[in-house]
Amino acid sequence: MTPDLEVVQIGQGQSFTAWEHGWPYHTVRWHFHPELEIHHVVATSGHYYVGDFIGEFGPGNLVLCGPNLPHNWVSQLAPGETVPLRNRVLQFPEELLLRIADLFPDTGGFQALFAASRRGVVFSDACAAACGPILGELVHAKGPRRAALFLDLLARLASDPGRQLASDTYRPDPSGFMTAGVNKALAYINQNLTEDFAETDLAEVANMTASAFSRSFRKHTGMGVVEYVNRLRINLACQMLMNAGAKTVTEICFATGFNNLSNFNRQFLRQKGMNPSRFRALLEENLKAA
């Protein structure tokens, strides 16, 4: 079974992304990405899959997955049952970990942690108990505190022996994964997010008919193409609005791939619960209060 490519968005001015979600959620599927991922289960139990490993998880399960290592957590719940907060996720590029190790020789264990991540690592209950509150704060932290929590988290993981998951012969092959049609389309979206393209263009990239591509895309991402692209573009707009001396709202509208201001404002309101101007005003208010 070919894993899906997940397009990880790390905000401008940030070195990693930290977030949380409940169940069900569109990223809960067999997938991979070039970034490393720290995954902490807050609630539910079930089976998890990392490379060629299959195991059982419960609350507190803490795992590190390396670059392009396929993974998924499937909760065992009654049909229609929902969970507001299932897990917290931290994703970061591999070069960040290597650069930290180079700049701070004291963190030599980080290189060993990176090497171990290639097969996936599940950490001890004691380590998970210590790291859980750090991740809980990290999701909402800003500025220097955010960086400090990240380093503290890595240090705790590096000091725990953990247990490797995938077999030592398992080798993730992103070039093979990327031959799947929808993955090609997802990569195309990521590389051309601010450009003008249609669903028919993506179907052509995927080498599929338009109807087959539409069904497959919705199955793999949990949403239609327009909704998926709009979500990525609004996330990019938020990053641009958060930059000091950023462009005007109108300039950001067109810079993120929208072709008219009214649609941009409508999509922003739908996703963020406020218009772009209000979003920026609240950011400025927060800076003044700091």
C-alpha atoms as a PDB file:
ATOM      1  CA  MET A   1       0.000   0.000   0.000  1.00  0.00           C
ATOM      2  CA  THR A   2       1.517   3.309  -1.087  1.00  0.00           C
ATOM      3  CA  PRO A   3       1.567   5.999   1.638  1.00  0.00           C
ATOM      4  CA  ASP A   4       0.261   9.492   0.892  1.00  0.00           C
ATOM      5  CA  LEU A   5       2.509  12.532   0.881  1.00  0.00           C
ATOM      6  CA  GLU A   6       1.584  15.025   3.608  1.00  0.00           C
ATOM      7  CA  VAL A   7       2.521  18.611   2.780  1.00  0.00           C
ATOM      8  CA  VAL A   8       3.938  20.048   6.015  1.00  0.00           C
ATOM      9  CA  GLN A   9       3.781  23.831   6.289  1.00  0.00           C
ATOM     10  CA  ILE A  10       6.294  25.513   8.590  1.00  0.00           C
ATOM     11  CA  GLY A  11       5.518  29.195   9.082  1.00  0.00           C
ATOM     12  CA  GLN A  12       7.790  31.987   7.949  1.00  0.00           C
ATOM     13  CA  GLY A  13      10.112  32.935  10.787  1.00  0.00           C
ATOM     14  CA  GLN A  14       9.672  29.491  12.346  1.00  0.00           C
ATOM     15  CA  SER A  15      11.964  26.456  12.342  1.00  0.00           C
ATOM     16  CA  PHE A  16       9.300  23.877  13.205  1.00  0.00           C
ATOM     17  CA  THR A  17       5.538  23.460  13.482  1.00  0.00           C
ATOM     18  CA  ALA A  18       3.629  22.214  16.530  1.00  0.00           C
ATOM     19  CA  TRP A  19      -0.105  21.511  16.550  1.00  0.00           C
ATOM     20  CA  GLU A  20      -2.838  19.263  17.922  1.00  0.00           C
ATOM     21  CA  HIS A  21      -5.990  17.637  16.613  1.00  0.00           C
ATOM     22  CA  GLY A  22      -8.864  15.369  17.534  1.00  0.00           C
ATOM     23  CA  TRP A  23     -10.562  12.422  15.870  1.00  0.00           C
ATOM     24  CA  PRO A  24     -11.587  12.082  13.124  1.00  0.00           C
ATOM     25  CA  TYR A  25      -9.089  14.248  11.239  1.00  0.00           C
ATOM     26  CA  HIS A  26      -7.993  14.375   7.601  1.00  0.00           C
ATOM     27  CA  THR A  27      -4.298  13.635   8.276  1.00  0.00           C
ATOM     28  CA  VAL A  28      -5.133  10.346  10.021  1.00  0.00           C
ATOM     29  CA  ARG A  29      -4.032   8.056   7.213  1.00  0.00           C
ATOM     30  CA  TRP A  30      -0.992   6.076   6.080  1.00  0.00           C
ATOM     31  CA  HIS A  31       1.343   8.890   5.049  1.00  0.00           C
ATOM     32  CA  PHE A  32       4.909  10.225   4.959  1.00  0.00           C
ATOM     33  CA  HIS A  33       6.771  13.534   4.737  1.00  0.00           C
ATOM     34  CA  PRO A  34      10.435  14.626   4.573  1.00  0.00           C
ATOM     35  CA  GLU A  35      10.209  16.244   8.026  1.00  0.00           C
ATOM     36  CA  LEU A  36      10.830  14.394  11.292  1.00  0.00           C
ATOM     37  CA  GLU A  37       7.770  14.058  13.513  1.00  0.00           C
ATOM     38  CA  ILE A  38       7.280  13.740  17.262  1.00  0.00           C
ATOM     39  CA  HIS A  39       3.835  12.242  17.897  1.00  0.00           C
ATOM     40  CA  HIS A  40       2.231  12.145  21.368  1.00  0.00           C
ATOM     41  CA  VAL A  41      -1.120  10.469  21.989  1.00  0.00           C
ATOM     42  CA  VAL A  42      -3.307  12.295  24.525  1.00  0.00           C
ATOM     43  CA  ALA A  43      -6.430  10.116  24.309  1.00  0.00           C
ATOM     44  CA  THR A  44      -7.777   6.896  22.721  1.00  0.00           C
ATOM     45  CA  SER A  45      -6.118   3.551  22.030  1.00  0.00           C
ATOM     46  CA  GLY A  46      -5.685   1.428  18.934  1.00  0.00           C
ATOM     47  CA  HIS A  47      -2.984   0.283  16.533  1.00  0.00           C
ATOM     48  CA  TYR A  48      -0.114   2.304  15.135  1.00  0.00           C
ATOM     49  CA  TYR A  49       2.001   1.639  12.080  1.00  0.00           C
ATOM     50  CA  VAL A  50       5.577   2.854  11.509  1.00  0.00           C
ATOM     51  CA  GLY A  51       7.375   1.466   8.454  1.00  0.00           C
ATOM     52  CA  ASP A  52       6.937  -2.315   8.700  1.00  0.00           C
ATOM     53  CA  PHE A  53       6.108  -2.153  12.432  1.00  0.00           C
ATOM     54  CA  ILE A  54       2.597  -2.666  13.833  1.00  0.00           C
ATOM     55  CA  GLY A  55       1.891  -2.127  17.525  1.00  0.00           C
ATOM     56  CA  GLU A  56      -0.744  -1.126  20.034  1.00  0.00           C
ATOM     57  CA  PHE A  57      -0.948   2.358  21.524  1.00  0.00           C
ATOM     58  CA  GLY A  58      -2.768   4.085  24.344  1.00  0.00           C
ATOM     59  CA  PRO A  59      -2.673   7.505  26.011  1.00  0.00           C
ATOM     60  CA  GLY A  60       0.917   8.621  26.538  1.00  0.00           C
ATOM     61  CA  ASN A  61       2.321   6.846  23.473  1.00  0.00           C
ATOM     62  CA  LEU A  62       5.316   8.982  22.368  1.00  0.00           C
ATOM     63  CA  VAL A  63       7.032   8.243  19.053  1.00  0.00           C
ATOM     64  CA  LEU A  64       9.658   9.896  16.851  1.00  0.00           C
ATOM     65  CA  CYS A  65       9.424   9.185  13.105  1.00  0.00           C
ATOM     66  CA  GLY A  66      12.306  10.025  10.793  1.00  0.00           C
ATOM     67  CA  PRO A  67      12.316  11.536   7.293  1.00  0.00           C
ATOM     68  CA  ASN A  68       9.966   9.882   4.805  1.00  0.00           C
ATOM     69  CA  LEU A  69       9.131   7.054   7.237  1.00  0.00           C
ATOM     70  CA  PRO A  70       5.453   6.115   6.648  1.00  0.00           C
ATOM     71  CA  HIS A  71       3.283   6.139   9.777  1.00  0.00           C
ATOM     72  CA  ASN A  72      -0.289   6.218  11.056  1.00  0.00           C
ATOM     73  CA  TRP A  73      -2.291   5.926  14.305  1.00  0.00           C
ATOM     74  CA  VAL A  74      -5.759   4.353  14.028  1.00  0.00           C
ATOM     75  CA  SER A  75      -7.987   4.776  17.088  1.00  0.00           C
ATOM     76  CA  GLN A  76     -10.507   2.090  17.973  1.00  0.00           C
ATOM     77  CA  LEU A  77     -13.732   4.015  18.521  1.00  0.00           C
ATOM     78  CA  ALA A  78     -17.412   3.415  17.983  1.00  0.00           C
ATOM     79  CA  PRO A  79     -18.828   4.535  14.613  1.00  0.00           C
ATOM     80  CA  GLY A  80     -19.560   8.264  14.719  1.00  0.00           C
ATOM     81  CA  GLU A  81     -17.641   8.762  17.982  1.00  0.00           C
ATOM     82  CA  THR A  82     -15.511  11.927  18.117  1.00  0.00           C
ATOM     83  CA  VAL A  83     -12.606  13.013  20.329  1.00  0.00           C
ATOM     84  CA  PRO A  84     -11.786  16.742  20.705  1.00  0.00           C
ATOM     85  CA  LEU A  85      -8.072  16.217  21.435  1.00  0.00           C
ATOM     86  CA  ARG A  86      -6.423  12.963  20.398  1.00  0.00           C
ATOM     87  CA  ASN A  87      -2.758  13.869  19.936  1.00  0.00           C
ATOM     88  CA  ARG A  88      -0.101  16.542  19.607  1.00  0.00           C
ATOM     89  CA  VAL A  89       2.376  16.676  16.744  1.00  0.00           C
ATOM     90  CA  LEU A  90       5.697  18.444  16.266  1.00  0.00           C
ATOM     91  CA  GLN A  91       7.314  18.434  12.811  1.00  0.00           C
ATOM     92  CA  PHE A  92      10.706  19.830  11.792  1.00  0.00           C
ATOM     93  CA  PRO A  93      13.191  19.473   8.911  1.00  0.00           C
ATOM     94  CA  GLU A  94      16.150  17.145   9.413  1.00  0.00           C
ATOM     95  CA  GLU A  95      18.664  19.914   8.708  1.00  0.00           C
ATOM     96  CA  LEU A  96      17.447  21.752  11.822  1.00  0.00           C
ATOM     97  CA  LEU A  97      18.473  18.871  14.067  1.00  0.00           C
ATOM     98  CA  LEU A  98      21.838  18.511  12.326  1.00  0.00           C
ATOM     99  CA  ARG A  99      22.531  22.262  12.490  1.00  0.00           C
ATOM    100  CA  ILE A 100      21.763  22.340  16.215  1.00  0.00           C
ATOM    101  CA  ALA A 101      24.175  19.442  16.751  1.00  0.00           C
ATOM    102  CA  ASP A 102      26.877  21.268  14.749  1.00  0.00           C
ATOM    103  CA  LEU A 103      26.402  24.614  16.501  1.00  0.00           C
ATOM    104  CA  PHE A 104      26.190  23.134  19.993  1.00  0.00           C
ATOM    105  CA  PRO A 105      28.590  20.193  20.424  1.00  0.00           C
ATOM    106  CA  ASP A 106      27.102  19.713  23.895  1.00  0.00           C
ATOM    107  CA  THR A 107      24.025  18.251  22.177  1.00  0.00           C
ATOM    108  CA  GLY A 108      25.932  15.379  20.576  1.00  0.00           C
ATOM    109  CA  GLY A 109      23.092  13.056  21.467  1.00  0.00           C
ATOM    110  CA  PHE A 110      20.873  14.784  18.938  1.00  0.00           C
ATOM    111  CA  GLN A 111      22.815  13.184  16.092  1.00  0.00           C
ATOM    112  CA  ALA A 112      22.221   9.749  17.608  1.00  0.00           C
ATOM    113  CA  LEU A 113      18.549  10.655  17.997  1.00  0.00           C
ATOM    114  CA  PHE A 114      18.375  11.599  14.334  1.00  0.00           C
ATOM    115  CA  ALA A 115      19.988   8.310  13.289  1.00  0.00           C
ATOM    116  CA  ALA A 116      17.548   6.332  15.440  1.00  0.00           C
ATOM    117  CA  SER A 117      14.576   8.195  13.950  1.00  0.00           C
ATOM    118  CA  ARG A 118      15.184   6.516  10.586  1.00  0.00           C
ATOM    119  CA  ARG A 119      13.456   3.412  11.921  1.00  0.00           C
ATOM    120  CA  GLY A 120      11.138   5.207  14.341  1.00  0.00           C
ATOM    121  CA  VAL A 121      11.502   5.241  18.127  1.00  0.00           C
ATOM    122  CA  VAL A 122       8.917   4.727  20.868  1.00  0.00           C
ATOM    123  CA  PHE A 123       9.976   6.222  24.193  1.00  0.00           C
ATOM    124  CA  SER A 124       9.541   4.987  27.755  1.00  0.00           C
ATOM    125  CA  ASP A 125       6.467   5.788  29.837  1.00  0.00           C
ATOM    126  CA  ALA A 126       8.612   7.972  32.118  1.00  0.00           C
ATOM    127  CA  CYS A 127       9.946   9.964  29.170  1.00  0.00           C
ATOM    128  CA  ALA A 128       6.443  10.367  27.737  1.00  0.00           C
ATOM    129  CA  ALA A 129       5.122  11.581  31.088  1.00  0.00           C
ATOM    130  CA  ALA A 130       7.861  14.226  31.242  1.00  0.00           C
ATOM    131  CA  CYS A 131       7.467  15.293  27.599  1.00  0.00           C
ATOM    132  CA  GLY A 132       3.671  15.474  27.548  1.00  0.00           C
ATOM    133  CA  PRO A 133       3.381  18.805  29.425  1.00  0.00           C
ATOM    134  CA  ILE A 134       6.228  20.258  27.325  1.00  0.00           C
ATOM    135  CA  LEU A 135       4.382  19.469  24.107  1.00  0.00           C
ATOM    136  CA  GLY A 136       1.162  20.799  25.603  1.00  0.00           C
ATOM    137  CA  GLU A 137       2.801  24.158  26.267  1.00  0.00           C
ATOM    138  CA  LEU A 138       4.831  24.137  23.062  1.00  0.00           C
ATOM    139  CA  VAL A 139       1.754  24.018  20.827  1.00  0.00           C
ATOM    140  CA  HIS A 140       0.765  27.489  22.060  1.00  0.00           C
ATOM    141  CA  ALA A 141       4.183  28.979  22.963  1.00  0.00           C
ATOM    142  CA  LYS A 142       5.784  31.908  21.133  1.00  0.00           C
ATOM    143  CA  GLY A 143       9.207  33.536  20.870  1.00  0.00           C
ATOM    144  CA  PRO A 144      12.230  32.416  22.917  1.00  0.00           C
ATOM    145  CA  ARG A 145      10.054  30.231  25.149  1.00  0.00           C
ATOM    146  CA  ARG A 146       9.032  28.216  22.108  1.00  0.00           C
ATOM    147  CA  ALA A 147      12.672  27.578  21.165  1.00  0.00           C
ATOM    148  CA  ALA A 148      13.604  26.700  24.753  1.00  0.00           C
ATOM    149  CA  LEU A 149      10.793  24.148  25.000  1.00  0.00           C
ATOM    150  CA  PHE A 150      11.852  22.580  21.700  1.00  0.00           C
ATOM    151  CA  LEU A 151      15.440  22.110  22.889  1.00  0.00           C
ATOM    152  CA  ASP A 152      14.257  20.790  26.251  1.00  0.00           C
ATOM    153  CA  LEU A 153      12.056  18.271  24.474  1.00  0.00           C
ATOM    154  CA  LEU A 154      14.886  17.052  22.234  1.00  0.00           C
ATOM    155  CA  ALA A 155      17.219  16.743  25.222  1.00  0.00           C
ATOM    156  CA  ARG A 156      14.730  14.560  27.086  1.00  0.00           C
ATOM    157  CA  LEU A 157      14.205  12.333  24.056  1.00  0.00           C
ATOM    158  CA  ALA A 158      17.956  12.016  23.501  1.00  0.00           C
ATOM    159  CA  SER A 159      18.492  10.901  27.105  1.00  0.00           C
ATOM    160  CA  ASP A 160      15.927   8.083  26.840  1.00  0.00           C
ATOM    161  CA  PRO A 161      17.060   4.816  25.228  1.00  0.00           C
ATOM    162  CA  GLY A 162      13.663   4.190  23.674  1.00  0.00           C
ATOM    163  CA  ARG A 163      12.940   1.240  21.409  1.00  0.00           C
ATOM    164  CA  GLN A 164      13.334   1.123  17.636  1.00  0.00           C
ATOM    165  CA  LEU A 165      10.227   0.190  15.671  1.00  0.00           C
ATOM    166  CA  ALA A 166      10.776  -0.611  11.984  1.00  0.00           C
ATOM    167  CA  SER A 167      13.128  -3.498  11.203  1.00  0.00           C
ATOM    168  CA  ASP A 168      16.766  -2.698  10.457  1.00  0.00           C
ATOM    169  CA  THR A 169      16.230  -3.841   6.866  1.00  0.00           C
ATOM    170  CA  TYR A 170      13.302  -1.474   6.253  1.00  0.00           C
ATOM    171  CA  ARG A 171      14.232   1.418   3.963  1.00  0.00           C
ATOM    172  CA  PRO A 172      11.605   4.057   3.127  1.00  0.00           C
ATOM    173  CA  ASP A 173      11.709   4.930  -0.571  1.00  0.00           C
ATOM    174  CA  PRO A 174      10.254   8.394  -1.207  1.00  0.00           C
ATOM    175  CA  SER A 175      11.056   8.154  -4.903  1.00  0.00           C
ATOM    176  CA  GLY A 176       8.861   5.078  -5.083  1.00  0.00           C
ATOM    177  CA  PHE A 177       6.097   6.673  -2.988  1.00  0.00           C
ATOM    178  CA  MET A 178       6.083   9.703  -5.261  1.00  0.00           C
ATOM    179  CA  THR A 179       5.199   7.666  -8.328  1.00  0.00           C
ATOM    180  CA  ALA A 180       1.608   7.485  -7.028  1.00  0.00           C
ATOM    181  CA  GLY A 181      -0.608   9.885  -8.966  1.00  0.00           C
ATOM    182  CA  VAL A 182      -2.139  11.799  -6.042  1.00  0.00           C
ATOM    183  CA  ASN A 183       1.284  12.234  -4.439  1.00  0.00           C
ATOM    184  CA  LYS A 184       2.561  13.794  -7.651  1.00  0.00           C
ATOM    185  CA  ALA A 185      -0.393  16.191  -7.571  1.00  0.00           C
ATOM    186  CA  LEU A 186       0.207  17.068  -3.899  1.00  0.00           C
ATOM    187  CA  ALA A 187       3.853  17.831  -4.628  1.00  0.00           C
ATOM    188  CA  TYR A 188       2.782  19.970  -7.599  1.00  0.00           C
ATOM    189  CA  ILE A 189       0.374  21.937  -5.387  1.00  0.00           C
ATOM    190  CA  ASN A 190       3.097  22.547  -2.817  1.00  0.00           C
ATOM    191  CA  GLN A 191       5.557  23.769  -5.442  1.00  0.00           C
ATOM    192  CA  ASN A 192       3.037  25.937  -7.317  1.00  0.00           C
ATOM    193  CA  LEU A 193       0.718  27.017  -4.503  1.00  0.00           C
ATOM    194  CA  THR A 194       0.591  30.691  -5.477  1.00  0.00           C
ATOM    195  CA  GLU A 195       0.230  30.001  -9.201  1.00  0.00           C
ATOM    196  CA  ASP A 196      -2.998  29.641 -11.179  1.00  0.00           C
ATOM    197  CA  PHE A 197      -3.889  25.998 -11.848  1.00  0.00           C
ATOM    198  CA  ALA A 198      -7.075  23.948 -12.164  1.00  0.00           C
ATOM    199  CA  GLU A 199      -8.148  20.510 -11.016  1.00  0.00           C
ATOM    200  CA  THR A 200      -7.805  19.312 -14.614  1.00  0.00           C
ATOM    201  CA  ASP A 201      -4.118  20.333 -14.515  1.00  0.00           C
ATOM    202  CA  LEU A 202      -3.624  18.240 -11.380  1.00  0.00           C
ATOM    203  CA  ALA A 203      -5.407  15.273 -12.961  1.00  0.00           C
ATOM    204  CA  GLU A 204      -2.996  15.515 -15.868  1.00  0.00           C
ATOM    205  CA  VAL A 205      -0.010  15.608 -13.488  1.00  0.00           C
ATOM    206  CA  ALA A 206      -1.403  12.506 -11.766  1.00  0.00           C
ATOM    207  CA  ASN A 207      -2.011  10.834 -15.147  1.00  0.00           C
ATOM    208  CA  MET A 208      -5.636  10.166 -14.212  1.00  0.00           C
ATOM    209  CA  THR A 209      -9.008  11.095 -15.631  1.00  0.00           C
ATOM    210  CA  ALA A 210     -10.608  14.134 -13.991  1.00  0.00           C
ATOM    211  CA  SER A 211     -13.352  12.093 -12.288  1.00  0.00           C
ATOM    212  CA  ALA A 212     -10.971   9.392 -11.023  1.00  0.00           C
ATOM    213  CA  PHE A 213      -8.560  12.020  -9.721  1.00  0.00           C
ATOM    214  CA  SER A 214     -11.329  13.901  -7.914  1.00  0.00           C
ATOM    215  CA  ARG A 215     -12.471  10.724  -6.118  1.00  0.00           C
ATOM    216  CA  SER A 216      -8.934   9.656  -5.260  1.00  0.00           C
ATOM    217  CA  PHE A 217      -7.911  13.105  -4.015  1.00  0.00           C
ATOM    218  CA  ARG A 218     -10.902  13.344  -1.684  1.00  0.00           C
ATOM    219  CA  LYS A 219     -10.255   9.821  -0.390  1.00  0.00           C
ATOM    220  CA  HIS A 220      -6.600  10.594   0.418  1.00  0.00           C
ATOM    221  CA  THR A 221      -6.973  14.114   1.851  1.00  0.00           C
ATOM    222  CA  GLY A 222     -10.512  14.106   3.233  1.00  0.00           C
ATOM    223  CA  MET A 223     -11.474  17.166   1.170  1.00  0.00           C
ATOM    224  CA  GLY A 224     -11.848  18.418  -2.366  1.00  0.00           C
ATOM    225  CA  VAL A 225      -9.064  20.091  -4.329  1.00  0.00           C
ATOM    226  CA  VAL A 226     -10.411  23.638  -3.977  1.00  0.00           C
ATOM    227  CA  GLU A 227     -10.846  23.306  -0.201  1.00  0.00           C
ATOM    228  CA  TYR A 228      -7.371  21.786   0.183  1.00  0.00           C
ATOM    229  CA  VAL A 229      -5.662  24.503  -1.881  1.00  0.00           C
ATOM    230  CA  ASN A 230      -7.603  27.289  -0.159  1.00  0.00           C
ATOM    231  CA  ARG A 231      -6.557  25.936   3.248  1.00  0.00           C
ATOM    232  CA  LEU A 232      -2.866  25.998   2.279  1.00  0.00           C
ATOM    233  CA  ARG A 233      -3.170  29.478   0.754  1.00  0.00           C
ATOM    234  CA  ILE A 234      -4.914  30.917   3.833  1.00  0.00           C
ATOM    235  CA  ASN A 235      -2.204  29.414   6.063  1.00  0.00           C
ATOM    236  CA  LEU A 236       0.378  31.136   3.876  1.00  0.00           C
ATOM    237  CA  ALA A 237      -1.583  34.404   4.116  1.00  0.00           C
ATOM    238  CA  CYS A 238      -1.524  34.166   7.925  1.00  0.00           C
ATOM    239  CA  GLN A 239       2.247  33.767   7.867  1.00  0.00           C
ATOM    240  CA  MET A 240       2.557  36.858   5.673  1.00  0.00           C
ATOM    241  CA  LEU A 241       0.209  38.862   7.905  1.00  0.00           C
ATOM    242  CA  MET A 242       2.331  37.956  10.934  1.00  0.00           C
ATOM    243  CA  ASN A 243       5.491  39.413   9.416  1.00  0.00           C
ATOM    244  CA  ALA A 244       6.496  42.871  10.583  1.00  0.00           C
ATOM    245  CA  GLY A 245       6.158  45.369   7.739  1.00  0.00           C
ATOM    246  CA  ALA A 246       4.074  42.902   5.768  1.00  0.00           C
ATOM    247  CA  LYS A 247       2.251  43.707   2.558  1.00  0.00           C
ATOM    248  CA  THR A 248      -1.259  45.113   2.474  1.00  0.00           C
ATOM    249  CA  VAL A 249      -4.197  42.723   2.656  1.00  0.00           C
ATOM    250  CA  THR A 250      -4.868  43.236  -1.050  1.00  0.00           C
ATOM    251  CA  GLU A 251      -1.242  42.496  -1.935  1.00  0.00           C
ATOM    252  CA  ILE A 252      -1.287  39.360   0.209  1.00  0.00           C
ATOM    253  CA  CYS A 253      -4.514  38.252  -1.467  1.00  0.00           C
ATOM    254  CA  PHE A 254      -2.879  38.126  -4.890  1.00  0.00           C
ATOM    255  CA  ALA A 255       0.529  36.983  -3.574  1.00  0.00           C
ATOM    256  CA  THR A 256      -1.051  33.836  -2.149  1.00  0.00           C
ATOM    257  CA  GLY A 257      -2.790  32.803  -5.360  1.00  0.00           C
ATOM    258  CA  PHE A 258      -6.297  34.240  -4.957  1.00  0.00           C
ATOM    259  CA  ASN A 259      -7.585  36.150  -7.961  1.00  0.00           C
ATOM    260  CA  ASN A 260     -10.070  38.432  -6.211  1.00  0.00           C
ATOM    261  CA  LEU A 261     -10.265  40.119  -2.823  1.00  0.00           C
ATOM    262  CA  SER A 262     -13.847  39.155  -1.989  1.00  0.00           C
ATOM    263  CA  ASN A 263     -13.132  35.431  -2.334  1.00  0.00           C
ATOM    264  CA  PHE A 264      -9.939  35.820  -0.286  1.00  0.00           C
ATOM    265  CA  ASN A 265     -11.841  37.570   2.525  1.00  0.00           C
ATOM    266  CA  ARG A 266     -14.604  34.968   2.405  1.00  0.00           C
ATOM    267  CA  GLN A 267     -12.183  32.030   2.612  1.00  0.00           C
ATOM    268  CA  PHE A 268     -10.166  33.703   5.380  1.00  0.00           C
ATOM    269  CA  LEU A 269     -13.320  34.308   7.424  1.00  0.00           C
ATOM    270  CA  ARG A 270     -14.459  30.725   6.914  1.00  0.00           C
ATOM    271  CA  GLN A 271     -11.164  29.261   8.154  1.00  0.00           C
ATOM    272  CA  LYS A 272     -10.104  31.747  10.827  1.00  0.00           C
ATOM    273  CA  GLY A 273     -13.409  33.123  12.064  1.00  0.00           C
ATOM    274  CA  MET A 274     -12.409  36.711  11.256  1.00  0.00           C
ATOM    275  CA  ASN A 275     -11.336  38.765   8.260  1.00  0.00           C
ATOM    276  CA  PRO A 276      -7.642  39.416   7.451  1.00  0.00           C
ATOM    277  CA  SER A 277      -7.722  42.992   8.757  1.00  0.00           C
ATOM    278  CA  ARG A 278      -9.093  41.842  12.116  1.00  0.00           C
ATOM    279  CA  PHE A 279      -6.479  39.068  12.247  1.00  0.00           C
ATOM    280  CA  ARG A 280      -3.707  41.631  11.726  1.00  0.00           C
ATOM    281  CA  ALA A 281      -5.195  44.059  14.259  1.00  0.00           C
ATOM    282  CA  LEU A 282      -5.292  41.363  16.941  1.00  0.00           C
ATOM    283  CA  LEU A 283      -1.670  40.463  16.203  1.00  0.00           C
ATOM    284  CA  GLU A 284      -0.636  44.099  16.632  1.00  0.00           C
ATOM    285  CA  GLU A 285      -2.640  44.303  19.855  1.00  0.00           C
ATOM    286  CA  ASN A 286      -0.823  41.251  21.165  1.00  0.00           C
ATOM    287  CA  LEU A 287       2.587  42.746  20.327  1.00  0.00           C
ATOM    288  CA  LYS A 288       1.739  45.971  22.123  1.00  0.00           C
ATOM    289  CA  ALA A 289       0.642  44.058  25.203  1.00  0.00           C
ATOM    290  CA  ALA A 290       3.845  41.998  25.313  1.00  0.00           C
END
